[in-house]
PDB file of N, CA and C in Angstrom:
ATOM      1  N   UNK A   1      -2.905 -16.927 -12.785  1.00  0.00           N
ATOM      2  CA  UNK A   1      -3.339 -15.730 -12.083  1.00  0.00           C
ATOM      3  C   UNK A   1      -4.851 -15.784 -11.937  1.00  0.00           C
ATOM      4  N   UNK A   2      -5.344 -16.198 -10.788  1.00  0.00           N
ATOM      5  CA  UNK A   2      -6.797 -16.246 -10.594  1.00  0.00           C
ATOM      6  C   UNK A   2      -7.436 -14.854 -10.638  1.00  0.00           C
ATOM      7  N   UNK A   3      -8.276 -14.662 -11.630  1.00  0.00           N
ATOM      8  CA  UNK A   3      -8.980 -13.393 -11.803  1.00  0.00           C
ATOM      9  C   UNK A   3     -10.138 -13.326 -10.820  1.00  0.00           C
ATOM     10  N   UNK A   4     -10.223 -12.201 -10.095  1.00  0.00           N
ATOM     11  CA  UNK A   4     -11.333 -12.050  -9.155  1.00  0.00           C
ATOM     12  C   UNK A   4     -12.322 -10.985  -9.593  1.00  0.00           C
ATOM     13  N   UNK A   5     -11.920 -10.122 -10.532  1.00  0.00           N
ATOM     14  CA  UNK A   5     -12.830  -9.085 -11.021  1.00  0.00           C
ATOM     15  C   UNK A   5     -12.305  -8.513 -12.333  1.00  0.00           C
ATOM     16  N   UNK A   6     -13.240  -7.997 -13.135  1.00  0.00           N
ATOM     17  CA  UNK A   6     -12.894  -7.343 -14.392  1.00  0.00           C
ATOM     18  C   UNK A   6     -13.896  -6.213 -14.618  1.00  0.00           C
ATOM     19  N   UNK A   7     -13.384  -5.002 -14.881  1.00  0.00           N
ATOM     20  CA  UNK A   7     -14.249  -3.865 -15.182  1.00  0.00           C
ATOM     21  C   UNK A   7     -13.462  -2.808 -15.953  1.00  0.00           C
ATOM     22  N   UNK A   8     -14.123  -2.186 -16.911  1.00  0.00           N
ATOM     23  CA  UNK A   8     -13.556  -1.079 -17.680  1.00  0.00           C
ATOM     24  C   UNK A   8     -12.171  -1.396 -18.244  1.00  0.00           C
ATOM     25  N   UNK A   9     -11.961  -2.638 -18.640  1.00  0.00           N
ATOM     26  CA  UNK A   9     -10.674  -3.049 -19.193  1.00  0.00           C
ATOM     27  C   UNK A   9      -9.617  -3.360 -18.156  1.00  0.00           C
ATOM     28  N   UNK A  10      -9.974  -3.288 -16.896  1.00  0.00           N
ATOM     29  CA  UNK A  10      -9.057  -3.559 -15.786  1.00  0.00           C
ATOM     30  C   UNK A  10      -9.309  -4.983 -15.290  1.00  0.00           C
ATOM     31  N   UNK A  11      -8.252  -5.755 -15.132  1.00  0.00           N
ATOM     32  CA  UNK A  11      -8.363  -7.111 -14.599  1.00  0.00           C
ATOM     33  C   UNK A  11      -7.704  -7.126 -13.224  1.00  0.00           C
ATOM     34  N   UNK A  12      -8.444  -7.597 -12.221  1.00  0.00           N
ATOM     35  CA  UNK A  12      -7.945  -7.693 -10.856  1.00  0.00           C
ATOM     36  C   UNK A  12      -7.733  -9.175 -10.546  1.00  0.00           C
ATOM     37  N   UNK A  13      -6.576  -9.501  -9.965  1.00  0.00           N
ATOM     38  CA  UNK A  13      -6.248 -10.894  -9.679  1.00  0.00           C
ATOM     39  C   UNK A  13      -5.430 -11.004  -8.398  1.00  0.00           C
ATOM     40  N   UNK A  14      -5.379 -12.229  -7.887  1.00  0.00           N
ATOM     41  CA  UNK A  14      -4.495 -12.569  -6.772  1.00  0.00           C
ATOM     42  C   UNK A  14      -3.793 -13.859  -7.147  1.00  0.00           C
ATOM     43  N   UNK A  15      -2.559 -13.964  -6.697  1.00  0.00           N
ATOM     44  CA  UNK A  15      -1.787 -15.179  -6.929  1.00  0.00           C
ATOM     45  C   UNK A  15      -1.769 -16.014  -5.660  1.00  0.00           C
ATOM     46  N   UNK A  16      -1.609 -17.306  -5.844  1.00  0.00           N
ATOM     47  CA  UNK A  16      -1.355 -18.187  -4.709  1.00  0.00           C
ATOM     48  C   UNK A  16       0.130 -18.100  -4.389  1.00  0.00           C
ATOM     49  N   UNK A  17       0.518 -18.470  -3.157  1.00  0.00           N
ATOM     50  CA  UNK A  17       1.931 -18.451  -2.732  1.00  0.00           C
ATOM     51  C   UNK A  17       2.540 -17.059  -2.830  1.00  0.00           C
ATOM     52  N   UNK A  18       1.815 -16.053  -2.416  1.00  0.00           N
ATOM     53  CA  UNK A  18       2.305 -14.677  -2.472  1.00  0.00           C
ATOM     54  C   UNK A  18       2.954 -14.274  -1.152  1.00  0.00           C
ATOM     55  N   UNK A  19       3.732 -13.219  -1.216  1.00  0.00           N
ATOM     56  CA  UNK A  19       4.383 -12.640  -0.054  1.00  0.00           C
ATOM     57  C   UNK A  19       3.453 -11.614   0.590  1.00  0.00           C
ATOM     58  N   UNK A  20       3.693 -11.327   1.851  1.00  0.00           N
ATOM     59  CA  UNK A  20       2.953 -10.282   2.539  1.00  0.00           C
ATOM     60  C   UNK A  20       3.596  -8.950   2.210  1.00  0.00           C
ATOM     61  N   UNK A  21       2.936  -7.853   2.331  1.00  0.00           N
ATOM     62  CA  UNK A  21       1.616  -7.623   2.903  1.00  0.00           C
ATOM     63  C   UNK A  21       0.515  -8.069   1.948  1.00  0.00           C
ATOM     64  N   UNK A  22      -0.702  -8.243   2.481  1.00  0.00           N
ATOM     65  CA  UNK A  22      -1.830  -8.614   1.611  1.00  0.00           C
ATOM     66  C   UNK A  22      -1.993  -7.597   0.483  1.00  0.00           C
ATOM     67  N   UNK A  23      -2.087  -8.105  -0.731  1.00  0.00           N
ATOM     68  CA  UNK A  23      -2.187  -7.216  -1.887  1.00  0.00           C
ATOM     69  C   UNK A  23      -2.903  -7.919  -3.031  1.00  0.00           C
ATOM     70  N   UNK A  24      -3.230  -7.132  -4.046  1.00  0.00           N
ATOM     71  CA  UNK A  24      -3.830  -7.689  -5.252  1.00  0.00           C
ATOM     72  C   UNK A  24      -3.113  -7.085  -6.454  1.00  0.00           C
ATOM     73  N   UNK A  25      -3.259  -7.721  -7.587  1.00  0.00           N
ATOM     74  CA  UNK A  25      -2.622  -7.282  -8.819  1.00  0.00           C
ATOM     75  C   UNK A  25      -3.673  -6.722  -9.770  1.00  0.00           C
ATOM     76  N   UNK A  26      -3.281  -5.723 -10.537  1.00  0.00           N
ATOM     77  CA  UNK A  26      -4.161  -5.132 -11.542  1.00  0.00           C
ATOM     78  C   UNK A  26      -3.425  -5.102 -12.873  1.00  0.00           C
ATOM     79  N   UNK A  27      -4.173  -5.369 -13.932  1.00  0.00           N
ATOM     80  CA  UNK A  27      -3.626  -5.330 -15.283  1.00  0.00           C
ATOM     81  C   UNK A  27      -4.551  -4.454 -16.119  1.00  0.00           C
ATOM     82  N   UNK A  28      -3.954  -3.551 -16.887  1.00  0.00           N
ATOM     83  CA  UNK A  28      -4.714  -2.675 -17.766  1.00  0.00           C
ATOM     84  C   UNK A  28      -3.859  -2.466 -19.013  1.00  0.00           C
ATOM     85  N   UNK A  29      -4.242  -3.083 -20.104  1.00  0.00           N
ATOM     86  CA  UNK A  29      -3.429  -3.010 -21.312  1.00  0.00           C
ATOM     87  C   UNK A  29      -2.042  -3.540 -21.027  1.00  0.00           C
ATOM     88  N   UNK A  30      -1.021  -2.732 -21.333  1.00  0.00           N
ATOM     89  CA  UNK A  30       0.361  -3.160 -21.086  1.00  0.00           C
ATOM     90  C   UNK A  30       0.830  -2.831 -19.672  1.00  0.00           C
ATOM     91  N   UNK A  31      -0.010  -2.202 -18.863  1.00  0.00           N
ATOM     92  CA  UNK A  31       0.355  -1.810 -17.507  1.00  0.00           C
ATOM     93  C   UNK A  31       0.071  -2.926 -16.512  1.00  0.00           C
ATOM     94  N   UNK A  32       0.952  -3.046 -15.525  1.00  0.00           N
ATOM     95  CA  UNK A  32       0.808  -4.023 -14.444  1.00  0.00           C
ATOM     96  C   UNK A  32       1.138  -3.314 -13.134  1.00  0.00           C
ATOM     97  N   UNK A  33       0.386  -3.625 -12.069  1.00  0.00           N
ATOM     98  CA  UNK A  33       0.650  -3.000 -10.777  1.00  0.00           C
ATOM     99  C   UNK A  33       0.124  -3.886  -9.662  1.00  0.00           C
ATOM    100  N   UNK A  34       0.646  -3.666  -8.467  1.00  0.00           N
ATOM    101  CA  UNK A  34       0.161  -4.337  -7.263  1.00  0.00           C
ATOM    102  C   UNK A  34      -0.217  -3.261  -6.255  1.00  0.00           C
ATOM    103  N   UNK A  35      -1.302  -3.536  -5.522  1.00  0.00           N
ATOM    104  CA  UNK A  35      -1.832  -2.576  -4.552  1.00  0.00           C
ATOM    105  C   UNK A  35      -2.004  -3.254  -3.193  1.00  0.00           C
ATOM    106  N   UNK A  36      -1.608  -2.560  -2.148  1.00  0.00           N
ATOM    107  CA  UNK A  36      -1.818  -3.043  -0.786  1.00  0.00           C
ATOM    108  C   UNK A  36      -3.316  -3.001  -0.474  1.00  0.00           C
ATOM    109  N   UNK A  37      -3.818  -4.054   0.131  1.00  0.00           N
ATOM    110  CA  UNK A  37      -5.230  -4.077   0.529  1.00  0.00           C
ATOM    111  C   UNK A  37      -5.433  -3.200   1.761  1.00  0.00           C
ATOM    112  N   UNK A  38      -4.503  -3.243   2.680  1.00  0.00           N
ATOM    113  CA  UNK A  38      -4.662  -2.513   3.932  1.00  0.00           C
ATOM    114  C   UNK A  38      -4.531  -1.002   3.757  1.00  0.00           C
ATOM    115  N   UNK A  39      -3.510  -0.557   3.030  1.00  0.00           N
ATOM    116  CA  UNK A  39      -3.283   0.887   2.888  1.00  0.00           C
ATOM    117  C   UNK A  39      -3.864   1.466   1.601  1.00  0.00           C
ATOM    118  N   UNK A  40      -4.288   0.589   0.681  1.00  0.00           N
ATOM    119  CA  UNK A  40      -4.784   0.999  -0.634  1.00  0.00           C
ATOM    120  C   UNK A  40      -3.782   1.906  -1.341  1.00  0.00           C
ATOM    121  N   UNK A  41      -2.525   1.485  -1.330  1.00  0.00           N
ATOM    122  CA  UNK A  41      -1.473   2.215  -2.025  1.00  0.00           C
ATOM    123  C   UNK A  41      -0.872   1.342  -3.118  1.00  0.00           C
ATOM    124  N   UNK A  42      -0.402   1.987  -4.167  1.00  0.00           N
ATOM    125  CA  UNK A  42       0.340   1.303  -5.209  1.00  0.00           C
ATOM    126  C   UNK A  42       1.678   0.880  -4.607  1.00  0.00           C
ATOM    127  N   UNK A  43       1.987  -0.421  -4.651  1.00  0.00           N
ATOM    128  CA  UNK A  43       3.234  -0.891  -4.042  1.00  0.00           C
ATOM    129  C   UNK A  43       4.228  -1.414  -5.073  1.00  0.00           C
ATOM    130  N   UNK A  44       3.765  -1.593  -6.303  1.00  0.00           N
ATOM    131  CA  UNK A  44       4.660  -2.113  -7.334  1.00  0.00           C
ATOM    132  C   UNK A  44       4.069  -1.839  -8.711  1.00  0.00           C
ATOM    133  N   UNK A  45       4.900  -1.517  -9.674  1.00  0.00           N
ATOM    134  CA  UNK A  45       4.457  -1.355 -11.046  1.00  0.00           C
ATOM    135  C   UNK A  45       4.006   0.055 -11.371  1.00  0.00           C
ATOM    136  N   UNK A  46       3.356   0.163 -12.535  1.00  0.00           N
ATOM    137  CA  UNK A  46       2.869   1.452 -13.016  1.00  0.00           C
ATOM    138  C   UNK A  46       1.474   1.293 -13.599  1.00  0.00           C
ATOM    139  N   UNK A  47       0.738   2.391 -13.555  1.00  0.00           N
ATOM    140  CA  UNK A  47      -0.630   2.403 -14.048  1.00  0.00           C
ATOM    141  C   UNK A  47      -0.986   3.867 -14.315  1.00  0.00           C
ATOM    142  N   UNK A  48      -1.786   4.155 -15.345  1.00  0.00           N
ATOM    143  CA  UNK A  48      -2.231   5.542 -15.547  1.00  0.00           C
ATOM    144  C   UNK A  48      -2.985   6.051 -14.311  1.00  0.00           C
ATOM    145  N   UNK A  49      -2.814   7.322 -14.011  1.00  0.00           N
ATOM    146  CA  UNK A  49      -3.409   7.913 -12.810  1.00  0.00           C
ATOM    147  C   UNK A  49      -4.921   7.718 -12.775  1.00  0.00           C
ATOM    148  N   UNK A  50      -5.593   7.922 -13.883  1.00  0.00           N
ATOM    149  CA  UNK A  50      -7.045   7.756 -13.922  1.00  0.00           C
ATOM    150  C   UNK A  50      -7.447   6.313 -13.597  1.00  0.00           C
ATOM    151  N   UNK A  51      -6.691   5.361 -14.075  1.00  0.00           N
ATOM    152  CA  UNK A  51      -6.973   3.946 -13.815  1.00  0.00           C
ATOM    153  C   UNK A  51      -6.701   3.620 -12.345  1.00  0.00           C
ATOM    154  N   UNK A  52      -5.641   4.194 -11.796  1.00  0.00           N
ATOM    155  CA  UNK A  52      -5.364   3.992 -10.363  1.00  0.00           C
ATOM    156  C   UNK A  52      -6.545   4.464  -9.538  1.00  0.00           C
ATOM    157  N   UNK A  53      -7.111   5.612  -9.875  1.00  0.00           N
ATOM    158  CA  UNK A  53      -8.244   6.120  -9.088  1.00  0.00           C
ATOM    159  C   UNK A  53      -9.447   5.189  -9.178  1.00  0.00           C
ATOM    160  N   UNK A  54      -9.685   4.599 -10.341  1.00  0.00           N
ATOM    161  CA  UNK A  54     -10.787   3.634 -10.472  1.00  0.00           C
ATOM    162  C   UNK A  54     -10.522   2.373  -9.655  1.00  0.00           C
ATOM    163  N   UNK A  55      -9.296   1.887  -9.708  1.00  0.00           N
ATOM    164  CA  UNK A  55      -8.930   0.688  -8.947  1.00  0.00           C
ATOM    165  C   UNK A  55      -9.082   0.945  -7.460  1.00  0.00           C
ATOM    166  N   UNK A  56      -8.617   2.088  -6.998  1.00  0.00           N
ATOM    167  CA  UNK A  56      -8.712   2.389  -5.568  1.00  0.00           C
ATOM    168  C   UNK A  56     -10.148   2.606  -5.119  1.00  0.00           C
ATOM    169  N   UNK A  57     -10.969   3.207  -5.963  1.00  0.00           N
ATOM    170  CA  UNK A  57     -12.395   3.353  -5.638  1.00  0.00           C
ATOM    171  C   UNK A  57     -13.027   1.978  -5.466  1.00  0.00           C
ATOM    172  N   UNK A  58     -12.733   1.074  -6.405  1.00  0.00           N
ATOM    173  CA  UNK A  58     -13.256  -0.296  -6.333  1.00  0.00           C
ATOM    174  C   UNK A  58     -12.740  -1.008  -5.085  1.00  0.00           C
ATOM    175  N   UNK A  59     -11.431  -0.918  -4.840  1.00  0.00           N
ATOM    176  CA  UNK A  59     -10.822  -1.614  -3.701  1.00  0.00           C
ATOM    177  C   UNK A  59     -11.367  -1.101  -2.376  1.00  0.00           C
ATOM    178  N   UNK A  60     -11.617   0.198  -2.265  1.00  0.00           N
ATOM    179  CA  UNK A  60     -12.181   0.755  -1.031  1.00  0.00           C
ATOM    180  C   UNK A  60     -13.544   0.139  -0.743  1.00  0.00           C
ATOM    181  N   UNK A  61     -14.355  -0.017  -1.783  1.00  0.00           N
ATOM    182  CA  UNK A  61     -15.691  -0.602  -1.624  1.00  0.00           C
ATOM    183  C   UNK A  61     -15.636  -2.093  -1.281  1.00  0.00           C
ATOM    184  N   UNK A  62     -14.551  -2.762  -1.658  1.00  0.00           N
ATOM    185  CA  UNK A  62     -14.483  -4.215  -1.517  1.00  0.00           C
ATOM    186  C   UNK A  62     -13.302  -4.690  -0.671  1.00  0.00           C
ATOM    187  N   UNK A  63     -12.829  -3.847   0.214  1.00  0.00           N
ATOM    188  CA  UNK A  63     -11.654  -4.194   1.021  1.00  0.00           C
ATOM    189  C   UNK A  63     -11.870  -5.476   1.833  1.00  0.00           C
ATOM    190  N   UNK A  64     -13.031  -5.621   2.438  1.00  0.00           N
ATOM    191  CA  UNK A  64     -13.307  -6.817   3.251  1.00  0.00           C
ATOM    192  C   UNK A  64     -13.249  -8.081   2.372  1.00  0.00           C
ATOM    193  N   UNK A  65     -13.861  -8.013   1.207  1.00  0.00           N
ATOM    194  CA  UNK A  65     -13.850  -9.162   0.296  1.00  0.00           C
ATOM    195  C   UNK A  65     -12.440  -9.463  -0.205  1.00  0.00           C
ATOM    196  N   UNK A  66     -11.652  -8.436  -0.432  1.00  0.00           N
ATOM    197  CA  UNK A  66     -10.263  -8.641  -0.852  1.00  0.00           C
ATOM    198  C   UNK A  66      -9.469  -9.358   0.231  1.00  0.00           C
ATOM    199  N   UNK A  67      -9.664  -8.957   1.482  1.00  0.00           N
ATOM    200  CA  UNK A  67      -8.974  -9.635   2.580  1.00  0.00           C
ATOM    201  C   UNK A  67      -9.430 -11.089   2.711  1.00  0.00           C
ATOM    202  N   UNK A  68     -10.712 -11.329   2.486  1.00  0.00           N
ATOM    203  CA  UNK A  68     -11.209 -12.706   2.521  1.00  0.00           C
ATOM    204  C   UNK A  68     -10.567 -13.533   1.411  1.00  0.00           C
ATOM    205  N   UNK A  69     -10.452 -12.972   0.218  1.00  0.00           N
ATOM    206  CA  UNK A  69      -9.795 -13.689  -0.876  1.00  0.00           C
ATOM    207  C   UNK A  69      -8.313 -13.915  -0.577  1.00  0.00           C
ATOM    208  N   UNK A  70      -7.667 -12.946   0.064  1.00  0.00           N
ATOM    209  CA  UNK A  70      -6.264 -13.118   0.435  1.00  0.00           C
ATOM    210  C   UNK A  70      -6.113 -14.336   1.353  1.00  0.00           C
ATOM    211  N   UNK A  71      -7.005 -14.444   2.333  1.00  0.00           N
ATOM    212  CA  UNK A  71      -6.961 -15.586   3.256  1.00  0.00           C
ATOM    213  C   UNK A  71      -7.215 -16.900   2.519  1.00  0.00           C
ATOM    214  N   UNK A  72      -8.136 -16.897   1.566  1.00  0.00           N
ATOM    215  CA  UNK A  72      -8.380 -18.096   0.762  1.00  0.00           C
ATOM    216  C   UNK A  72      -7.136 -18.457  -0.046  1.00  0.00           C
ATOM    217  N   UNK A  73      -6.474 -17.472  -0.615  1.00  0.00           N
ATOM    218  CA  UNK A  73      -5.264 -17.719  -1.400  1.00  0.00           C
ATOM    219  C   UNK A  73      -4.161 -18.309  -0.532  1.00  0.00           C
ATOM    220  N   UNK A  74      -4.042 -17.823   0.690  1.00  0.00           N
ATOM    221  CA  UNK A  74      -3.027 -18.364   1.601  1.00  0.00           C
ATOM    222  C   UNK A  74      -3.283 -19.835   1.899  1.00  0.00           C
ATOM    223  N   UNK A  75      -4.558 -20.217   1.945  1.00  0.00           N
ATOM    224  CA  UNK A  75      -4.923 -21.621   2.197  1.00  0.00           C
ATOM    225  C   UNK A  75      -5.020 -22.430   0.902  1.00  0.00           C
ATOM    226  N   UNK A  76      -4.722 -21.757  -0.226  1.00  0.00           N
ATOM    227  CA  UNK A  76      -4.781 -22.375  -1.560  1.00  0.00           C
ATOM    228  C   UNK A  76      -6.179 -22.899  -1.885  1.00  0.00           C
ATOM    229  N   UNK A  77      -7.175 -22.126  -1.465  1.00  0.00           N
ATOM    230  CA  UNK A  77      -8.564 -22.445  -1.759  1.00  0.00           C
ATOM    231  C   UNK A  77      -9.048 -21.547  -2.896  1.00  0.00           C
ATOM    232  N   UNK A  78     -10.146 -21.945  -3.509  1.00  0.00           N
ATOM    233  CA  UNK A  78     -10.682 -21.185  -4.633  1.00  0.00           C
ATOM    234  C   UNK A  78     -11.096 -19.786  -4.192  1.00  0.00           C
ATOM    235  N   UNK A  79     -10.673 -18.790  -4.971  1.00  0.00           N
ATOM    236  CA  UNK A  79     -11.008 -17.407  -4.657  1.00  0.00           C
ATOM    237  C   UNK A  79     -12.428 -17.095  -5.110  1.00  0.00           C
ATOM    238  N   UNK A  80     -13.047 -16.131  -4.424  1.00  0.00           N
ATOM    239  CA  UNK A  80     -14.396 -15.709  -4.773  1.00  0.00           C
ATOM    240  C   UNK A  80     -14.329 -14.507  -5.706  1.00  0.00           C
ATOM    241  N   UNK A  81     -15.232 -14.462  -6.657  1.00  0.00           N
ATOM    242  CA  UNK A  81     -15.348 -13.313  -7.555  1.00  0.00           C
ATOM    243  C   UNK A  81     -15.897 -12.144  -6.760  1.00  0.00           C
ATOM    244  N   UNK A  82     -15.466 -10.949  -7.147  1.00  0.00           N
ATOM    245  CA  UNK A  82     -15.914  -9.719  -6.497  1.00  0.00           C
ATOM    246  C   UNK A  82     -16.599  -8.864  -7.557  1.00  0.00           C
ATOM    247  N   UNK A  83     -17.685  -8.222  -7.179  1.00  0.00           N
ATOM    248  CA  UNK A  83     -18.468  -7.412  -8.120  1.00  0.00           C
ATOM    249  C   UNK A  83     -17.612  -6.291  -8.708  1.00  0.00           C
ATOM    250  N   UNK A  84     -17.850  -5.962  -9.973  1.00  0.00           N
ATOM    251  CA  UNK A  84     -17.087  -4.880 -10.610  1.00  0.00           C
ATOM    252  C   UNK A  84     -17.533  -3.510 -10.123  1.00  0.00           C
ATOM    253  N   UNK A  85     -16.773  -2.494 -10.518  1.00  0.00           N
ATOM    254  CA  UNK A  85     -17.069  -1.122 -10.140  1.00  0.00           C
ATOM    255  C   UNK A  85     -18.356  -0.637 -10.790  1.00  0.00           C
ATOM    256  N   UNK A  86     -18.565  -0.994 -12.043  1.00  0.00           N
ATOM    257  CA  UNK A  86     -19.776  -0.543 -12.745  1.00  0.00           C
ATOM    258  C   UNK A  86     -20.554  -1.721 -13.293  1.00  0.00           C
TER     259      UNK A  86
END
């Protein structure tokens, strides 16, 4: 799981060979979730509400970079790190 960002105990990653729609994965303690890059919605898993709001705030600020990493993942190229929320 290539990690692209880490902040406040939240790990953001993307996998290679993933299905569409473009999305990213988040891990926080025992919680796991996937979020759509385009709609910024939780599409799979569970996460505390407060953590979801932090993830979505971060994703909104970095949507373009997330889409660029998605394209790199599709080509199986090295993903770029994205700045954390804080």
